[in-house]
Every structure is written in structure tokens, then in C-alpha cells.
Amino acid sequence: MEESKENSLQQENIIQSRGCCTVRGSNPEDLFVNQLRCCKLSAHDWLSEYTDAAVNSDYNIVEVRFKNGRKDFFSSPTDMVLKKGEIVAVEASPGHDIGIVSLAGELVEIQMKRKQVDPTKKDIKRVFRHARTTDIEKWLEVVEMENRTMLSSRSIAANLNLEMKINDVEYQGDKTKAIFYYTANDRVDFRELIRKLADSFKVRIEMKQIGVRQEAAKVGGIGPCGRELCCSSYMSSFSSVSTNSARIQQLSLNPQKLAGQCGKLKCCLNYEVDDYIETLQDFPDNSIPLVTKKGKAYYIKSEVFKKTMWYAYAGESNNMMAIPIEKVKYILRQNKKNKFPAELEKFAEQNTQVDNIDDGNSNDITGYI
């Protein structure tokens, strides 16, 4: 009984050290209940309660997760039943590694299609067995060594005057290999470093270079929004971000405001850009002035989701008026017919006249009368 409780605590410690917060499930058949808000490596199995005789529930490939966002697919023996959250020993090169089943069942086949993995063309490695107590004990031992190894390796690299930063270390479950993740601005000759690391830690060394975005995901932190960085909390892949996303959302092109802790453009700039693109399709051409009998009014800015455009008469840029886009389209149609309204004020929304233009952030309208 005590050994079972000890193994359970060991499993919880390992899962938490591998980037997942867990709580004990109420059903004894459930290993753990994943807290999705802090586990970016988990996957929701929406087919778990689906039963159909035509569906092959004995799909013998599982997805296994390791440290640092690393996942891979493994084939299991037909007589082995694996569930999400179980710790398994899998084939590695060389030896074996220890990982946690992140997905099992029919959904794995859909996941492989999504990631464009063809099991007929790719050599799928094997799941050897459920992790034994000795496997878990050795794994706990190497997990505790990782932070000390990282600090020691940084000192060795500094003594060799190498322009690189070692960000993290991941030991293989059988303690025969260690992966050193590093960042560097230029090409680094680390042959001497590998020899010294192998002599110091008595394991096979693998160096893996990562980008500054991946480094920020490992280090973590709090963003300007006040929440944990997206890359360290739930994002498992990165999409390219361009300044065009900021232009579409009419944000001030200030590098200090648009850059994240990694020094690159914030990933969240892509979150709403599709909504902006879709909404902006309804907006008329803002390069055409609105002609009234009082004079020409020129476009100043837009409030995209309110579907309003701000105009001001020539020479009166500090006296702007917010006009709904439907009324802007109406005025433009009338102008094409050489018909000009008396003034623009009667088309403006009430209480939208402003005294001064804001400080460059076009999403913040200040100075309402």
C-alpha cells in the first residue's frame, strides 16, 4: 500500500516537472485530471467517450510526450493497453527513454494526419513496456540532475570563451544521453565543449540549437497583459508574425510596444488579425475625401469593430467626427452623382467629436466632449 502511494507521488512529481499541473481524479480508473491552463503538451481526447463497433479502438500507436515540448509517436504491442497519463519506456537511440502517454486510441490516427506523419513511410519506434519502479527511480534521479548539469555546463562553456548560452538540459530516461539546448547569434565550434561535457558527466552528448522564441518559452515570465507568457503556458508551435499584422490592427509601429520578452514581435499580434481582415472588407476606400458644401473632409482613423471612420475638415484635424461606414458609403455614392450634403456633422455619431488626436495608438480614443 505504501509502495503504491510512493509510486503515485513519484508520478505526480515527474508529470509536474515535465510541464503539467495535475490533480487527482475522483474516478480511480483515471490516472490524473490535466489542468489545461498550465499544460501545453496535453491534448483533449474528444473521442474518448465515443463508442462505435465500426471504429478500431485498438489502434496500436500512441503519442508520448517528453520534456521541452518534445512529442513523438510510438507503436505498442497488441497485448498492451495504454491510457493517457501512464509512464512508459520507449525505444531511443541508443537505449531507452521514459515518457508520458499524452494521447491514445483512435484520435492518434487523426493527430498523425494533422502533423503529416505517415506510419507506412516513417519508421515508428516502439513502446517497450510500462515503466517499472526502477525505471521511475532512475528517471527521478536524472531529472534532479538536469538543473545542476545546466549550471555546470554554462561554466564550462564560459571557460572556453564560447559565444553561446545553454538554456536547458534534458537527460534520457536511462541516463545514457543528455540533450543540451542552446542559443547563439553566430556559428559555434563546440567540439571541445562536447569532449569536456562527456568527460564531466559520463554520458553521450547531443547539442540542439533553439531560437529566441523557444528560449523565452523555457524561461517563462509575465507579459504586459499581466498573464503568463503564451509560449510558456500553452503554445506548442510558433507562427511567423509580421508588422503587417500590426498595420491591419492600426497599432502604433513602436518596436518597444510590439516586441515580446524574446525581442521578436508578440505572438498575440496574430490572434485577432483575421477578424480585422474580415471586418475591414466592408470599409470603403479611405483615400477618397468626403465632399460637402462646407468643404472637403479627410480620413483620419478607424474604429474597426465599431465600424466607424473618423474624418476632419481640411485644416481642422483637431476637430474629428466619427461616421458609421454605411453613412460614409452613402456620402461617397452621392458625391459620384455630384450631390454634396450641406455639412458632415449631421452624419456624425452623437458625442464623438474630440479635441485632440491621441498619442499614436489608434485604438485609444481620448478627449471625448
Protein backbone atom coordinates (compact mmCIF):
# COMPACT_ATOMS: atom_id res chain seq x y z
CA MET A 1 0.00 0.00 0.00
CA GLU A 2 2.81 2.39 1.00
CA GLU A 3 4.76 1.48 -2.14
CA SER A 4 1.69 2.29 -4.27
CA LYS A 5 1.34 5.73 -2.61
CA GLU A 6 5.06 6.37 -3.11
CA ASN A 7 4.84 5.47 -6.81
CA SER A 8 1.81 7.74 -7.16
CA LEU A 9 3.69 10.69 -5.63
CA GLN A 10 6.67 9.97 -7.89
CA GLN A 11 4.39 10.03 -10.93
CA GLU A 12 2.89 13.36 -9.85
CA ASN A 13 6.35 14.88 -9.36
CA ILE A 14 7.53 13.67 -12.75
CA ILE A 15 4.46 14.94 -14.58
CA GLN A 16 4.76 18.34 -12.92
CA SER A 17 8.47 18.55 -13.77
CA ARG A 18 7.59 17.77 -17.39
CA GLY A 19 5.36 20.83 -17.77
CA CYS A 20 1.97 19.71 -16.49
CA CYS A 21 -0.03 20.56 -13.36
CA THR A 22 -2.35 17.77 -12.23
CA VAL A 23 -4.93 16.94 -9.59
CA ARG A 24 -6.13 13.51 -8.54
CA GLY A 25 -9.27 12.41 -10.37
CA SER A 26 -12.35 11.25 -8.48
CA ASN A 27 -12.56 8.08 -10.56
CA PRO A 28 -9.87 5.56 -9.51
CA GLU A 29 -9.67 4.40 -13.14
CA ASP A 30 -8.50 7.86 -14.18
CA LEU A 31 -4.80 8.39 -13.56
CA PHE A 32 -4.89 12.17 -13.45
CA VAL A 33 -7.02 15.13 -14.48
CA ASN A 34 -4.93 17.51 -16.60
CA GLN A 35 -5.13 21.20 -15.83
CA LEU A 36 -5.09 22.51 -19.42
CA ARG A 37 -4.31 26.06 -18.35
CA CYS A 38 -0.75 25.05 -17.42
CA CYS A 39 -0.03 22.03 -19.61
CA LYS A 40 0.75 22.94 -23.20
CA LEU A 41 1.65 19.33 -24.04
CA SER A 42 -1.75 17.87 -23.19
CA ALA A 43 -4.33 17.02 -25.85
CA HIS A 44 -8.10 16.78 -25.39
CA ASP A 45 -9.37 13.36 -26.49
CA TRP A 46 -12.82 14.25 -27.79
CA LEU A 47 -13.33 10.64 -28.96
CA SER A 48 -12.76 9.14 -25.51
CA GLU A 49 -16.49 8.55 -24.84
CA TYR A 50 -17.41 7.71 -28.42
CA THR A 51 -18.32 4.06 -28.97
CA ASP A 52 -18.88 2.55 -32.38
CA ALA A 53 -18.32 -1.03 -33.47
CA ALA A 54 -17.00 0.23 -36.81
CA VAL A 55 -14.25 2.25 -35.10
CA ASN A 56 -11.00 0.48 -34.34
CA SER A 57 -10.49 1.25 -30.65
CA ASP A 58 -7.39 -0.96 -30.53
CA TYR A 59 -5.23 1.43 -32.53
CA ASN A 60 -1.71 0.41 -31.51
CA ILE A 61 0.08 3.76 -31.94
CA VAL A 62 0.27 6.23 -29.06
CA GLU A 63 1.61 9.76 -28.69
CA VAL A 64 4.22 10.16 -25.96
CA ARG A 65 5.46 13.46 -24.55
CA PHE A 66 8.82 14.28 -23.04
CA LYS A 67 10.47 17.47 -21.79
CA ASN A 68 10.59 20.82 -23.62
CA GLY A 69 7.58 20.35 -25.85
CA ARG A 70 9.03 17.20 -27.40
CA LYS A 71 6.46 14.66 -28.59
CA ASP A 72 6.64 11.61 -30.81
CA PHE A 73 4.58 8.63 -31.94
CA PHE A 74 5.34 5.06 -30.85
CA SER A 75 3.83 1.70 -31.69
CA SER A 76 2.78 -0.52 -28.80
CA PRO A 77 2.36 -4.32 -28.66
CA THR A 78 -1.15 -5.54 -29.40
CA ASP A 79 -1.48 -7.08 -25.93
CA MET A 80 -0.53 -3.83 -24.16
CA VAL A 81 -3.34 -1.47 -23.14
CA LEU A 82 -2.12 2.11 -22.68
CA LYS A 83 -4.04 5.02 -21.21
CA LYS A 84 -3.37 8.73 -21.23
CA GLY A 85 -1.09 9.73 -18.34
CA GLU A 86 0.72 6.41 -17.99
CA ILE A 87 4.54 6.37 -17.84
CA VAL A 88 6.17 4.10 -20.41
CA ALA A 89 9.63 3.01 -21.52
CA VAL A 90 10.12 3.64 -25.24
CA GLU A 91 12.77 2.93 -27.83
CA ALA A 92 15.54 5.52 -28.15
CA SER A 93 18.88 5.80 -29.89
CA PRO A 94 20.74 4.42 -28.06
CA GLY A 95 18.97 2.62 -25.21
CA HIS A 96 15.51 3.55 -23.99
CA ASP A 97 13.75 6.71 -22.83
CA ILE A 98 10.95 7.35 -20.37
CA GLY A 99 7.91 9.37 -21.42
CA ILE A 100 4.27 10.03 -20.57
CA VAL A 101 1.40 8.93 -22.82
CA SER A 102 -0.31 12.12 -23.99
CA LEU A 103 -2.79 10.54 -26.40
CA ALA A 104 -4.06 7.03 -27.07
CA GLY A 105 -6.78 5.41 -29.13
CA GLU A 106 -8.39 6.35 -32.41
CA LEU A 107 -7.58 10.06 -32.04
CA VAL A 108 -3.86 9.31 -32.52
CA GLU A 109 -4.52 8.46 -36.18
CA ILE A 110 -6.18 11.87 -36.66
CA GLN A 111 -3.29 13.55 -34.85
CA MET A 112 -0.79 11.86 -37.17
CA LYS A 113 -2.69 13.10 -40.22
CA ARG A 114 -2.72 16.62 -38.78
CA LYS A 115 1.04 16.51 -38.25
CA GLN A 116 1.54 14.86 -41.66
CA VAL A 117 3.15 11.73 -40.25
CA ASP A 118 2.73 8.66 -42.47
CA PRO A 119 3.26 5.44 -40.45
CA THR A 120 3.87 3.48 -43.66
CA LYS A 121 6.81 5.69 -44.63
CA LYS A 122 8.22 6.69 -41.27
CA ASP A 123 9.99 4.17 -39.07
CA ILE A 124 7.82 4.26 -35.94
CA LYS A 125 9.75 3.42 -32.77
CA ARG A 126 8.34 1.00 -30.21
CA VAL A 127 6.93 1.15 -26.70
CA PHE A 128 8.83 -1.46 -24.71
CA ARG A 129 6.75 -1.67 -21.54
CA HIS A 130 5.07 0.20 -18.75
CA ALA A 131 7.74 1.91 -16.68
CA ARG A 132 8.91 -0.20 -13.76
CA THR A 133 9.68 1.16 -10.30
CA THR A 134 13.41 1.00 -11.07
CA ASP A 135 12.81 2.97 -14.30
CA ILE A 136 10.92 5.69 -12.44
CA GLU A 137 13.57 5.87 -9.69
CA LYS A 138 16.37 6.33 -12.23
CA TRP A 139 14.26 8.87 -14.12
CA LEU A 140 13.67 10.89 -10.94
CA GLU A 141 17.40 10.79 -10.32
CA VAL A 142 18.31 12.20 -13.75
CA VAL A 143 15.51 14.80 -13.62
CA GLU A 144 17.03 16.16 -10.39
CA MET A 145 20.46 16.28 -12.08
CA GLU A 146 19.31 18.41 -15.03
CA ASN A 147 19.46 21.83 -13.35
CA ARG A 148 22.89 21.16 -11.80
CA THR A 149 24.18 19.88 -15.12
CA MET A 150 22.93 23.01 -16.91
CA LEU A 151 24.73 25.33 -14.46
CA SER A 152 27.96 23.33 -14.69
CA SER A 153 27.84 23.26 -18.48
CA ARG A 154 27.44 27.05 -18.57
CA SER A 155 30.65 27.40 -16.56
CA ILE A 156 32.49 25.04 -18.92
CA ALA A 157 31.27 26.97 -21.98
CA ALA A 158 32.31 30.29 -20.38
CA ASN A 159 35.81 28.95 -19.65
CA LEU A 160 36.13 28.04 -23.34
CA ASN A 161 35.06 31.61 -24.30
CA LEU A 162 32.21 30.33 -26.45
CA GLU A 163 29.60 32.89 -27.55
CA MET A 164 26.60 30.73 -26.65
CA LYS A 165 24.08 30.28 -23.87
CA ILE A 166 22.99 26.88 -22.64
CA ASN A 167 19.29 27.21 -21.78
CA ASP A 168 18.29 23.74 -20.66
CA VAL A 169 19.37 20.13 -20.33
CA GLU A 170 17.26 17.02 -20.87
CA TYR A 171 18.56 13.62 -19.78
CA GLN A 172 17.39 10.46 -21.47
CA GLY A 173 15.46 8.19 -19.13
CA ASP A 174 18.19 5.54 -18.95
CA LYS A 175 20.92 8.14 -18.23
CA THR A 176 22.93 7.29 -21.33
CA LYS A 177 22.43 10.56 -23.23
CA ALA A 178 21.79 14.23 -22.48
CA ILE A 179 20.44 16.89 -24.84
CA PHE A 180 21.86 20.39 -24.32
CA TYR A 181 19.63 23.17 -25.69
CA TYR A 182 21.48 26.38 -26.52
CA THR A 183 21.09 29.73 -28.28
CA ALA A 184 23.81 31.55 -30.22
CA ASN A 185 23.92 34.50 -32.59
CA ASP A 186 26.66 33.01 -34.81
CA ARG A 187 28.01 29.61 -35.68
CA VAL A 188 29.74 27.97 -32.70
CA ASP A 189 32.53 25.39 -32.82
CA PHE A 190 31.61 23.31 -29.77
CA ARG A 191 33.70 20.20 -30.49
CA GLU A 192 35.96 20.88 -27.50
CA LEU A 193 32.88 21.64 -25.39
CA ILE A 194 31.35 18.26 -26.25
CA ARG A 195 34.54 16.48 -25.20
CA LYS A 196 34.63 18.30 -21.87
CA LEU A 197 30.92 17.71 -21.23
CA ALA A 198 31.28 13.99 -21.99
CA ASP A 199 34.26 13.73 -19.62
CA SER A 200 32.44 15.62 -16.86
CA PHE A 201 29.03 13.92 -17.00
CA LYS A 202 29.93 10.49 -18.48
CA VAL A 203 27.04 10.48 -20.95
CA ARG A 204 26.59 10.80 -24.68
CA ILE A 205 26.15 14.49 -25.61
CA GLU A 206 23.74 15.96 -28.15
CA MET A 207 23.71 19.71 -28.84
CA LYS A 208 20.47 21.25 -30.13
CA GLN A 209 20.21 24.90 -31.12
CA ILE A 210 16.94 26.71 -30.46
CA GLY A 211 15.63 30.18 -31.33
CA VAL A 212 14.94 33.12 -29.05
CA ARG A 213 11.20 32.33 -29.05
CA GLN A 214 11.88 28.82 -27.74
CA GLU A 215 14.25 30.31 -25.15
CA ALA A 216 11.52 32.63 -23.88
CA ALA A 217 9.16 29.66 -23.68
CA LYS A 218 11.63 27.79 -21.46
CA VAL A 219 12.50 30.75 -19.21
CA GLY A 220 8.88 31.93 -18.88
CA GLY A 221 7.66 35.20 -17.43
CA ILE A 222 4.74 37.61 -17.24
CA GLY A 223 3.65 39.54 -20.32
CA PRO A 224 2.47 43.17 -20.45
CA CYS A 225 -1.11 41.83 -20.31
CA GLY A 226 -0.38 40.58 -16.77
CA ARG A 227 -0.67 36.91 -17.66
CA GLU A 228 1.90 34.15 -18.08
CA LEU A 229 3.62 34.15 -21.47
CA CYS A 230 1.55 32.27 -24.07
CA CYS A 231 4.64 30.43 -25.35
CA SER A 232 5.44 29.05 -21.90
CA SER A 233 1.85 28.24 -20.87
CA TYR A 234 0.04 26.66 -23.81
CA MET A 235 1.62 27.34 -27.22
CA SER A 236 3.40 24.29 -28.63
CA SER A 237 4.22 25.72 -32.07
CA PHE A 238 5.10 29.14 -33.41
CA SER A 239 3.68 31.00 -36.41
CA SER A 240 5.51 33.80 -38.17
CA VAL A 241 4.47 37.31 -37.10
CA SER A 242 4.94 40.35 -39.36
CA THR A 243 4.49 44.09 -38.91
CA ASN A 244 1.62 43.83 -41.39
CA SER A 245 -0.46 42.31 -38.58
CA ALA A 246 0.10 45.48 -36.54
CA ARG A 247 -0.74 47.72 -39.50
CA ILE A 248 -4.00 45.90 -40.15
CA GLN A 249 -4.99 46.37 -36.49
CA GLN A 250 -3.93 50.04 -36.74
CA LEU A 251 -1.44 49.72 -33.91
CA SER A 252 1.38 52.16 -33.39
CA LEU A 253 4.51 50.71 -35.04
CA ASN A 254 6.58 51.18 -31.91
CA PRO A 255 9.15 48.34 -31.62
CA GLN A 256 9.24 48.63 -27.84
CA LYS A 257 5.48 48.04 -27.59
CA LEU A 258 5.22 45.37 -30.28
CA ALA A 259 8.18 43.23 -29.13
CA GLY A 260 7.81 40.49 -26.56
CA GLN A 261 10.34 39.30 -23.99
CA CYS A 262 12.13 37.34 -26.71
CA GLY A 263 12.80 40.55 -28.65
CA LYS A 264 10.62 39.39 -31.56
CA LEU A 265 7.12 40.57 -32.46
CA LYS A 266 4.50 39.37 -29.97
CA CYS A 267 2.70 36.19 -30.95
CA CYS A 268 -0.61 37.71 -29.82
CA LEU A 269 -0.50 40.11 -32.78
CA ASN A 270 -1.84 37.20 -34.84
CA TYR A 271 -4.74 36.38 -32.54
CA GLU A 272 -7.28 38.92 -33.86
CA VAL A 273 -5.82 39.82 -37.24
CA ASP A 274 -8.21 37.52 -39.14
CA ASP A 275 -11.23 39.26 -37.57
CA TYR A 276 -9.78 42.63 -38.55
CA ILE A 277 -9.19 41.50 -42.15
CA GLU A 278 -12.74 40.16 -42.44
CA THR A 279 -14.30 43.30 -40.93
CA LEU A 280 -12.18 45.72 -42.99
CA GLN A 281 -13.56 44.21 -46.20
CA ASP A 282 -16.77 46.20 -45.54
CA PHE A 283 -14.91 49.51 -45.21
CA PRO A 284 -14.83 51.94 -48.17
CA ASP A 285 -11.63 53.37 -49.66
CA ASN A 286 -10.28 55.82 -47.07
CA SER A 287 -8.12 57.67 -49.61
CA ILE A 288 -11.22 59.37 -51.10
CA PRO A 289 -12.26 62.56 -49.23
CA LEU A 290 -15.87 63.30 -48.39
CA VAL A 291 -17.04 66.43 -50.20
CA THR A 292 -19.64 68.68 -48.58
CA LYS A 293 -20.79 72.24 -49.23
CA LYS A 294 -18.85 73.21 -46.13
CA GLY A 295 -15.65 71.73 -47.58
CA LYS A 296 -13.69 68.51 -48.01
CA ALA A 297 -13.28 66.13 -45.08
CA TYR A 298 -10.32 63.76 -44.97
CA TYR A 299 -9.95 60.38 -43.32
CA ILE A 300 -8.06 60.32 -40.01
CA LYS A 301 -8.53 56.89 -38.45
CA SER A 302 -10.97 53.98 -37.92
CA GLU A 303 -12.56 52.02 -35.11
CA VAL A 304 -12.75 48.69 -36.88
CA PHE A 305 -15.16 46.69 -34.72
CA LYS A 306 -17.43 49.71 -34.14
CA LYS A 307 -17.43 50.11 -37.93
CA THR A 308 -16.87 53.85 -37.77
CA MET A 309 -14.45 56.10 -39.65
CA TRP A 310 -13.12 59.38 -38.31
CA TYR A 311 -12.99 62.40 -40.60
CA ALA A 312 -11.99 66.03 -40.20
CA TYR A 313 -12.27 69.08 -42.45
CA ALA A 314 -9.10 70.30 -44.14
CA GLY A 315 -7.13 72.38 -41.67
CA GLU A 316 -9.26 71.20 -38.72
CA SER A 317 -7.56 67.92 -37.82
CA ASN A 318 -8.20 68.59 -34.12
CA ASN A 319 -11.94 68.50 -34.72
CA MET A 320 -12.72 64.93 -35.75
CA MET A 321 -16.10 63.28 -36.31
CA ALA A 322 -16.96 59.57 -36.15
CA ILE A 323 -19.18 58.47 -39.02
CA PRO A 324 -20.61 54.94 -39.46
CA ILE A 325 -19.30 53.24 -42.59
CA GLU A 326 -22.78 52.90 -44.10
CA LYS A 327 -23.17 56.67 -44.00
CA VAL A 328 -19.67 57.09 -45.45
CA LYS A 329 -20.65 54.83 -48.34
CA TYR A 330 -23.86 56.85 -48.82
CA ILE A 331 -21.94 60.15 -48.99
CA LEU A 332 -19.45 58.67 -51.47
CA ARG A 333 -22.32 57.49 -53.69
CA GLN A 334 -23.87 60.95 -53.55
CA ASN A 335 -20.54 62.57 -54.41
CA LYS A 336 -20.27 60.42 -57.53
CA LYS A 337 -23.63 61.88 -58.61
CA ASN A 338 -22.27 65.39 -57.95
CA LYS A 339 -24.55 65.75 -54.95
CA PHE A 340 -22.99 67.25 -51.83
CA PRO A 341 -24.51 67.34 -48.33
CA ALA A 342 -24.58 70.68 -46.53
CA GLU A 343 -22.25 69.53 -43.75
CA LEU A 344 -20.73 66.39 -42.31
CA GLU A 345 -21.84 66.99 -38.73
CA LYS A 346 -25.36 65.67 -39.28
CA PHE A 347 -23.94 62.26 -40.28
CA ALA A 348 -21.61 62.03 -37.27
CA GLU A 349 -22.45 59.97 -34.22
CA GLN A 350 -23.50 61.91 -31.15
CA ASN A 351 -20.80 62.91 -28.64
CA THR A 352 -17.96 61.65 -30.81
CA GLN A 353 -16.25 64.93 -31.55
CA VAL A 354 -12.74 65.06 -30.00
CA ASP A 355 -10.46 67.95 -29.19
CA ASN A 356 -7.10 66.33 -29.87
CA ILE A 357 -5.67 63.40 -31.78
CA ASP A 358 -4.38 60.66 -29.46
CA ASP A 359 -0.74 59.85 -28.90
CA GLY A 360 -0.37 57.41 -31.80
CA ASN A 361 -2.23 54.39 -30.53
CA SER A 362 -5.27 54.50 -32.79
CA ASN A 363 -7.17 52.00 -30.64
CA ASP A 364 -7.35 54.50 -27.76
CA ILE A 365 -9.73 57.44 -28.32
CA THR A 366 -9.35 60.11 -25.65
CA GLY A 367 -10.68 63.58 -25.04
CA TYR A 368 -14.42 62.99 -25.57
CA ILE A 369 -16.68 66.04 -25.15
